[in-house]
Amino acid sequence: MGINEIIKFLKEVKEELKKVTWPSQELVKNATIAVIIFTLIVSIYLWIWDIVFSRVIDFLFR
């Protein structure tokens, strides 16, 4: 791959990036908050089930 091909590729990439519809800052912020909240909820849910199953196993094998 020659230098001219690389330059052509980079110019094409630049042109394609101009066509992209970028999300607004507000949308990105809201989506990020939603993902963090969802992750926390799922983490707490799995943590609770981990405690429940750990106690059941401890009870069964004592």
PDB file of N, CA and C in Angstrom:
ATOM      1  N   MET A   1       0.842  -1.171   0.000  1.00  0.00           N
ATOM      2  CA  MET A   1       0.000   0.000   0.000  1.00  0.00           C
ATOM      3  C   MET A   1       0.892   1.239   0.000  1.00  0.00           C
ATOM      4  N   GLY A   2       0.750   2.051  -1.020  1.00  0.00           N
ATOM      5  CA  GLY A   2       1.588   3.235  -1.146  1.00  0.00           C
ATOM      6  C   GLY A   2       1.030   4.412  -0.386  1.00  0.00           C
ATOM      7  N   ILE A   3       1.838   5.447  -0.305  1.00  0.00           N
ATOM      8  CA  ILE A   3       1.448   6.646   0.438  1.00  0.00           C
ATOM      9  C   ILE A   3       0.234   7.320  -0.201  1.00  0.00           C
ATOM     10  N   ASN A   4       0.147   7.272  -1.540  1.00  0.00           N
ATOM     11  CA  ASN A   4      -0.995   7.889  -2.225  1.00  0.00           C
ATOM     12  C   ASN A   4      -2.300   7.179  -1.875  1.00  0.00           C
ATOM     13  N   GLU A   5      -2.243   5.859  -1.758  1.00  0.00           N
ATOM     14  CA  GLU A   5      -3.438   5.091  -1.389  1.00  0.00           C
ATOM     15  C   GLU A   5      -3.873   5.412   0.036  1.00  0.00           C
ATOM     16  N   ILE A   6      -2.908   5.591   0.912  1.00  0.00           N
ATOM     17  CA  ILE A   6      -3.218   5.934   2.307  1.00  0.00           C
ATOM     18  C   ILE A   6      -3.865   7.315   2.374  1.00  0.00           C
ATOM     19  N   ILE A   7      -3.305   8.270   1.635  1.00  0.00           N
ATOM     20  CA  ILE A   7      -3.864   9.626   1.616  1.00  0.00           C
ATOM     21  C   ILE A   7      -5.282   9.603   1.054  1.00  0.00           C
ATOM     22  N   LYS A   8      -5.486   8.861  -0.033  1.00  0.00           N
ATOM     23  CA  LYS A   8      -6.817   8.745  -0.632  1.00  0.00           C
ATOM     24  C   LYS A   8      -7.795   8.129   0.366  1.00  0.00           C
ATOM     25  N   PHE A   9      -7.360   7.080   1.067  1.00  0.00           N
ATOM     26  CA  PHE A   9      -8.208   6.422   2.056  1.00  0.00           C
ATOM     27  C   PHE A   9      -8.608   7.397   3.156  1.00  0.00           C
ATOM     28  N   LEU A  10      -7.649   8.164   3.659  1.00  0.00           N
ATOM     29  CA  LEU A  10      -7.934   9.117   4.737  1.00  0.00           C
ATOM     30  C   LEU A  10      -8.873  10.224   4.279  1.00  0.00           C
ATOM     31  N   LYS A  11      -8.739  10.669   3.035  1.00  0.00           N
ATOM     32  CA  LYS A  11      -9.659  11.678   2.505  1.00  0.00           C
ATOM     33  C   LYS A  11     -11.073  11.108   2.407  1.00  0.00           C
ATOM     34  N   GLU A  12     -11.185   9.846   1.976  1.00  0.00           N
ATOM     35  CA  GLU A  12     -12.497   9.203   1.887  1.00  0.00           C
ATOM     36  C   GLU A  12     -13.123   9.032   3.272  1.00  0.00           C
ATOM     37  N   VAL A  13     -12.307   8.706   4.238  1.00  0.00           N
ATOM     38  CA  VAL A  13     -12.795   8.577   5.616  1.00  0.00           C
ATOM     39  C   VAL A  13     -13.325   9.916   6.102  1.00  0.00           C
ATOM     40  N   LYS A  14     -12.589  10.981   5.835  1.00  0.00           N
ATOM     41  CA  LYS A  14     -13.003  12.325   6.239  1.00  0.00           C
ATOM     42  C   LYS A  14     -14.345  12.694   5.602  1.00  0.00           C
ATOM     43  N   GLU A  15     -14.509  12.383   4.327  1.00  0.00           N
ATOM     44  CA  GLU A  15     -15.769  12.670   3.633  1.00  0.00           C
ATOM     45  C   GLU A  15     -16.928  11.871   4.223  1.00  0.00           C
ATOM     46  N   GLU A  16     -16.694  10.607   4.538  1.00  0.00           N
ATOM     47  CA  GLU A  16     -17.748   9.763   5.125  1.00  0.00           C
ATOM     48  C   GLU A  16     -18.142  10.268   6.511  1.00  0.00           C
ATOM     49  N   LEU A  17     -17.163  10.737   7.278  1.00  0.00           N
ATOM     50  CA  LEU A  17     -17.461  11.248   8.619  1.00  0.00           C
ATOM     51  C   LEU A  17     -18.310  12.512   8.566  1.00  0.00           C
ATOM     52  N   LYS A  18     -18.236  13.261   7.481  1.00  0.00           N
ATOM     53  CA  LYS A  18     -19.081  14.446   7.332  1.00  0.00           C
ATOM     54  C   LYS A  18     -20.545  14.055   7.151  1.00  0.00           C
ATOM     55  N   LYS A  19     -20.804  12.837   6.678  1.00  0.00           N
ATOM     56  CA  LYS A  19     -22.163  12.364   6.427  1.00  0.00           C
ATOM     57  C   LYS A  19     -22.824  11.787   7.681  1.00  0.00           C
ATOM     58  N   VAL A  20     -22.041  11.560   8.704  1.00  0.00           N
ATOM     59  CA  VAL A  20     -22.557  10.940   9.922  1.00  0.00           C
ATOM     60  C   VAL A  20     -23.454  11.921  10.668  1.00  0.00           C
ATOM     61  N   THR A  21     -24.578  11.419  11.153  1.00  0.00           N
ATOM     62  CA  THR A  21     -25.454  12.225  12.001  1.00  0.00           C
ATOM     63  C   THR A  21     -25.035  11.970  13.451  1.00  0.00           C
ATOM     64  N   TRP A  22     -24.382  12.929  14.041  1.00  0.00           N
ATOM     65  CA  TRP A  22     -23.871  12.768  15.394  1.00  0.00           C
ATOM     66  C   TRP A  22     -24.968  13.095  16.400  1.00  0.00           C
ATOM     67  N   PRO A  23     -25.027  12.343  17.506  1.00  0.00           N
ATOM     68  CA  PRO A  23     -26.037  12.636  18.531  1.00  0.00           C
ATOM     69  C   PRO A  23     -25.689  13.936  19.263  1.00  0.00           C
ATOM     70  N   SER A  24     -26.724  14.551  19.806  1.00  0.00           N
ATOM     71  CA  SER A  24     -26.493  15.786  20.562  1.00  0.00           C
ATOM     72  C   SER A  24     -25.831  15.449  21.906  1.00  0.00           C
ATOM     73  N   GLN A  25     -25.245  16.455  22.493  1.00  0.00           N
ATOM     74  CA  GLN A  25     -24.587  16.266  23.793  1.00  0.00           C
ATOM     75  C   GLN A  25     -25.609  15.837  24.845  1.00  0.00           C
ATOM     76  N   GLU A  26     -26.804  16.403  24.771  1.00  0.00           N
ATOM     77  CA  GLU A  26     -27.877  16.053  25.720  1.00  0.00           C
ATOM     78  C   GLU A  26     -28.265  14.583  25.582  1.00  0.00           C
ATOM     79  N   LEU A  27     -28.374  14.106  24.356  1.00  0.00           N
ATOM     80  CA  LEU A  27     -28.727  12.701  24.116  1.00  0.00           C
ATOM     81  C   LEU A  27     -27.646  11.762  24.659  1.00  0.00           C
ATOM     82  N   VAL A  28     -26.404  12.113  24.417  1.00  0.00           N
ATOM     83  CA  VAL A  28     -25.291  11.291  24.916  1.00  0.00           C
ATOM     84  C   VAL A  28     -25.298  11.265  26.438  1.00  0.00           C
ATOM     85  N   LYS A  29     -25.522  12.428  27.056  1.00  0.00           N
ATOM     86  CA  LYS A  29     -25.563  12.516  28.525  1.00  0.00           C
ATOM     87  C   LYS A  29     -26.686  11.644  29.086  1.00  0.00           C
ATOM     88  N   ASN A  30     -27.893  11.765  28.505  1.00  0.00           N
ATOM     89  CA  ASN A  30     -29.032  10.976  28.985  1.00  0.00           C
ATOM     90  C   ASN A  30     -28.825   9.482  28.790  1.00  0.00           C
ATOM     91  N   ALA A  31     -28.272   9.098  27.659  1.00  0.00           N
ATOM     92  CA  ALA A  31     -28.017   7.682  27.402  1.00  0.00           C
ATOM     93  C   ALA A  31     -26.977   7.130  28.370  1.00  0.00           C
ATOM     94  N   THR A  32     -25.960   7.922  28.659  1.00  0.00           N
ATOM     95  CA  THR A  32     -24.922   7.500  29.604  1.00  0.00           C
ATOM     96  C   THR A  32     -25.506   7.306  31.001  1.00  0.00           C
ATOM     97  N   ILE A  33     -26.330   8.237  31.435  1.00  0.00           N
ATOM     98  CA  ILE A  33     -26.967   8.120  32.749  1.00  0.00           C
ATOM     99  C   ILE A  33     -27.864   6.884  32.794  1.00  0.00           C
ATOM    100  N   ALA A  34     -28.621   6.641  31.726  1.00  0.00           N
ATOM    101  CA  ALA A  34     -29.498   5.470  31.674  1.00  0.00           C
ATOM    102  C   ALA A  34     -28.698   4.178  31.769  1.00  0.00           C
ATOM    103  N   VAL A  35     -27.579   4.111  31.074  1.00  0.00           N
ATOM    104  CA  VAL A  35     -26.734   2.905  31.110  1.00  0.00           C
ATOM    105  C   VAL A  35     -26.159   2.706  32.504  1.00  0.00           C
ATOM    106  N   ILE A  36     -25.705   3.764  33.145  1.00  0.00           N
ATOM    107  CA  ILE A  36     -25.143   3.644  34.501  1.00  0.00           C
ATOM    108  C   ILE A  36     -26.211   3.176  35.478  1.00  0.00           C
ATOM    109  N   ILE A  37     -27.400   3.762  35.407  1.00  0.00           N
ATOM    110  CA  ILE A  37     -28.484   3.357  36.318  1.00  0.00           C
ATOM    111  C   ILE A  37     -28.875   1.900  36.074  1.00  0.00           C
ATOM    112  N   PHE A  38     -29.027   1.519  34.813  1.00  0.00           N
ATOM    113  CA  PHE A  38     -29.384   0.138  34.484  1.00  0.00           C
ATOM    114  C   PHE A  38     -28.317  -0.833  34.989  1.00  0.00           C
ATOM    115  N   THR A  39     -27.057  -0.475  34.800  1.00  0.00           N
ATOM    116  CA  THR A  39     -25.955  -1.326  35.262  1.00  0.00           C
ATOM    117  C   THR A  39     -25.989  -1.476  36.782  1.00  0.00           C
ATOM    118  N   LEU A  40     -26.246  -0.392  37.500  1.00  0.00           N
ATOM    119  CA  LEU A  40     -26.331  -0.463  38.957  1.00  0.00           C
ATOM    120  C   LEU A  40     -27.495  -1.348  39.404  1.00  0.00           C
ATOM    121  N   ILE A  41     -28.650  -1.205  38.746  1.00  0.00           N
ATOM    122  CA  ILE A  41     -29.818  -2.016  39.113  1.00  0.00           C
ATOM    123  C   ILE A  41     -29.542  -3.499  38.886  1.00  0.00           C
ATOM    124  N   VAL A  42     -28.981  -3.830  37.736  1.00  0.00           N
ATOM    125  CA  VAL A  42     -28.676  -5.240  37.441  1.00  0.00           C
ATOM    126  C   VAL A  42     -27.613  -5.764  38.404  1.00  0.00           C
ATOM    127  N   SER A  43     -26.622  -4.944  38.720  1.00  0.00           N
ATOM    128  CA  SER A  43     -25.573  -5.368  39.661  1.00  0.00           C
ATOM    129  C   SER A  43     -26.155  -5.664  41.038  1.00  0.00           C
ATOM    130  N   ILE A  44     -27.027  -4.802  41.522  1.00  0.00           N
ATOM    131  CA  ILE A  44     -27.652  -5.023  42.831  1.00  0.00           C
ATOM    132  C   ILE A  44     -28.523  -6.271  42.801  1.00  0.00           C
ATOM    133  N   TYR A  45     -29.287  -6.451  41.730  1.00  0.00           N
ATOM    134  CA  TYR A  45     -30.133  -7.642  41.569  1.00  0.00           C
ATOM    135  C   TYR A  45     -29.284  -8.926  41.618  1.00  0.00           C
ATOM    136  N   LEU A  46     -28.196  -8.951  40.867  1.00  0.00           N
ATOM    137  CA  LEU A  46     -27.328 -10.141  40.859  1.00  0.00           C
ATOM    138  C   LEU A  46     -26.632 -10.336  42.198  1.00  0.00           C
ATOM    139  N   TRP A  47     -26.266  -9.252  42.867  1.00  0.00           N
ATOM    140  CA  TRP A  47     -25.624  -9.340  44.177  1.00  0.00           C
ATOM    141  C   TRP A  47     -26.582  -9.972  45.194  1.00  0.00           C
ATOM    142  N   ILE A  48     -27.845  -9.548  45.145  1.00  0.00           N
ATOM    143  CA  ILE A  48     -28.837 -10.118  46.059  1.00  0.00           C
ATOM    144  C   ILE A  48     -29.001 -11.613  45.805  1.00  0.00           C
ATOM    145  N   TRP A  49     -29.123 -12.014  44.534  1.00  0.00           N
ATOM    146  CA  TRP A  49     -29.255 -13.442  44.224  1.00  0.00           C
ATOM    147  C   TRP A  49     -28.002 -14.220  44.609  1.00  0.00           C
ATOM    148  N   ASP A  50     -26.849 -13.605  44.499  1.00  0.00           N
ATOM    149  CA  ASP A  50     -25.608 -14.257  44.915  1.00  0.00           C
ATOM    150  C   ASP A  50     -25.635 -14.543  46.415  1.00  0.00           C
ATOM    151  N   ILE A  51     -26.095 -13.577  47.192  1.00  0.00           N
ATOM    152  CA  ILE A  51     -26.205 -13.767  48.643  1.00  0.00           C
ATOM    153  C   ILE A  51     -27.202 -14.879  48.953  1.00  0.00           C
ATOM    154  N   VAL A  52     -28.367 -14.852  48.295  1.00  0.00           N
ATOM    155  CA  VAL A  52     -29.394 -15.870  48.536  1.00  0.00           C
ATOM    156  C   VAL A  52     -28.851 -17.255  48.231  1.00  0.00           C
ATOM    157  N   PHE A  53     -28.260 -17.436  47.052  1.00  0.00           N
ATOM    158  CA  PHE A  53     -27.757 -18.761  46.684  1.00  0.00           C
ATOM    159  C   PHE A  53     -26.592 -19.197  47.568  1.00  0.00           C
ATOM    160  N   SER A  54     -25.750 -18.250  47.976  1.00  0.00           N
ATOM    161  CA  SER A  54     -24.645 -18.600  48.876  1.00  0.00           C
ATOM    162  C   SER A  54     -25.177 -19.123  50.202  1.00  0.00           C
ATOM    163  N   ARG A  55     -26.183 -18.477  50.736  1.00  0.00           N
ATOM    164  CA  ARG A  55     -26.754 -18.910  52.010  1.00  0.00           C
ATOM    165  C   ARG A  55     -27.469 -20.247  51.873  1.00  0.00           C
ATOM    166  N   VAL A  56     -28.161 -20.458  50.760  1.00  0.00           N
ATOM    167  CA  VAL A  56     -28.833 -21.750  50.532  1.00  0.00           C
ATOM    168  C   VAL A  56     -27.805 -22.859  50.448  1.00  0.00           C
ATOM    169  N   ILE A  57     -26.727 -22.635  49.720  1.00  0.00           N
ATOM    170  CA  ILE A  57     -25.679 -23.660  49.595  1.00  0.00           C
ATOM    171  C   ILE A  57     -25.013 -23.909  50.935  1.00  0.00           C
ATOM    172  N   ASP A  58     -24.729 -22.831  51.675  1.00  0.00           N
ATOM    173  CA  ASP A  58     -24.140 -23.007  53.012  1.00  0.00           C
ATOM    174  C   ASP A  58     -25.078 -23.817  53.903  1.00  0.00           C
ATOM    175  N   PHE A  59     -26.363 -23.550  53.842  1.00  0.00           N
ATOM    176  CA  PHE A  59     -27.347 -24.274  54.655  1.00  0.00           C
ATOM    177  C   PHE A  59     -27.391 -25.744  54.258  1.00  0.00           C
ATOM    178  N   LEU A  60     -27.366 -26.029  52.973  1.00  0.00           N
ATOM    179  CA  LEU A  60     -27.469 -27.416  52.499  1.00  0.00           C
ATOM    180  C   LEU A  60     -26.233 -28.241  52.808  1.00  0.00           C
ATOM    181  N   PHE A  61     -25.075 -27.632  52.822  1.00  0.00           N
ATOM    182  CA  PHE A  61     -23.832 -28.397  52.987  1.00  0.00           C
ATOM    183  C   PHE A  61     -23.188 -28.229  54.352  1.00  0.00           C
ATOM    184  N   ARG A  62     -23.929 -27.764  55.338  1.00  0.00           N
ATOM    185  CA  ARG A  62     -23.397 -27.698  56.701  1.00  0.00           C
ATOM    186  C   ARG A  62     -23.560 -29.010  57.383  1.00  0.00           C
TER     187      ARG A  62
END
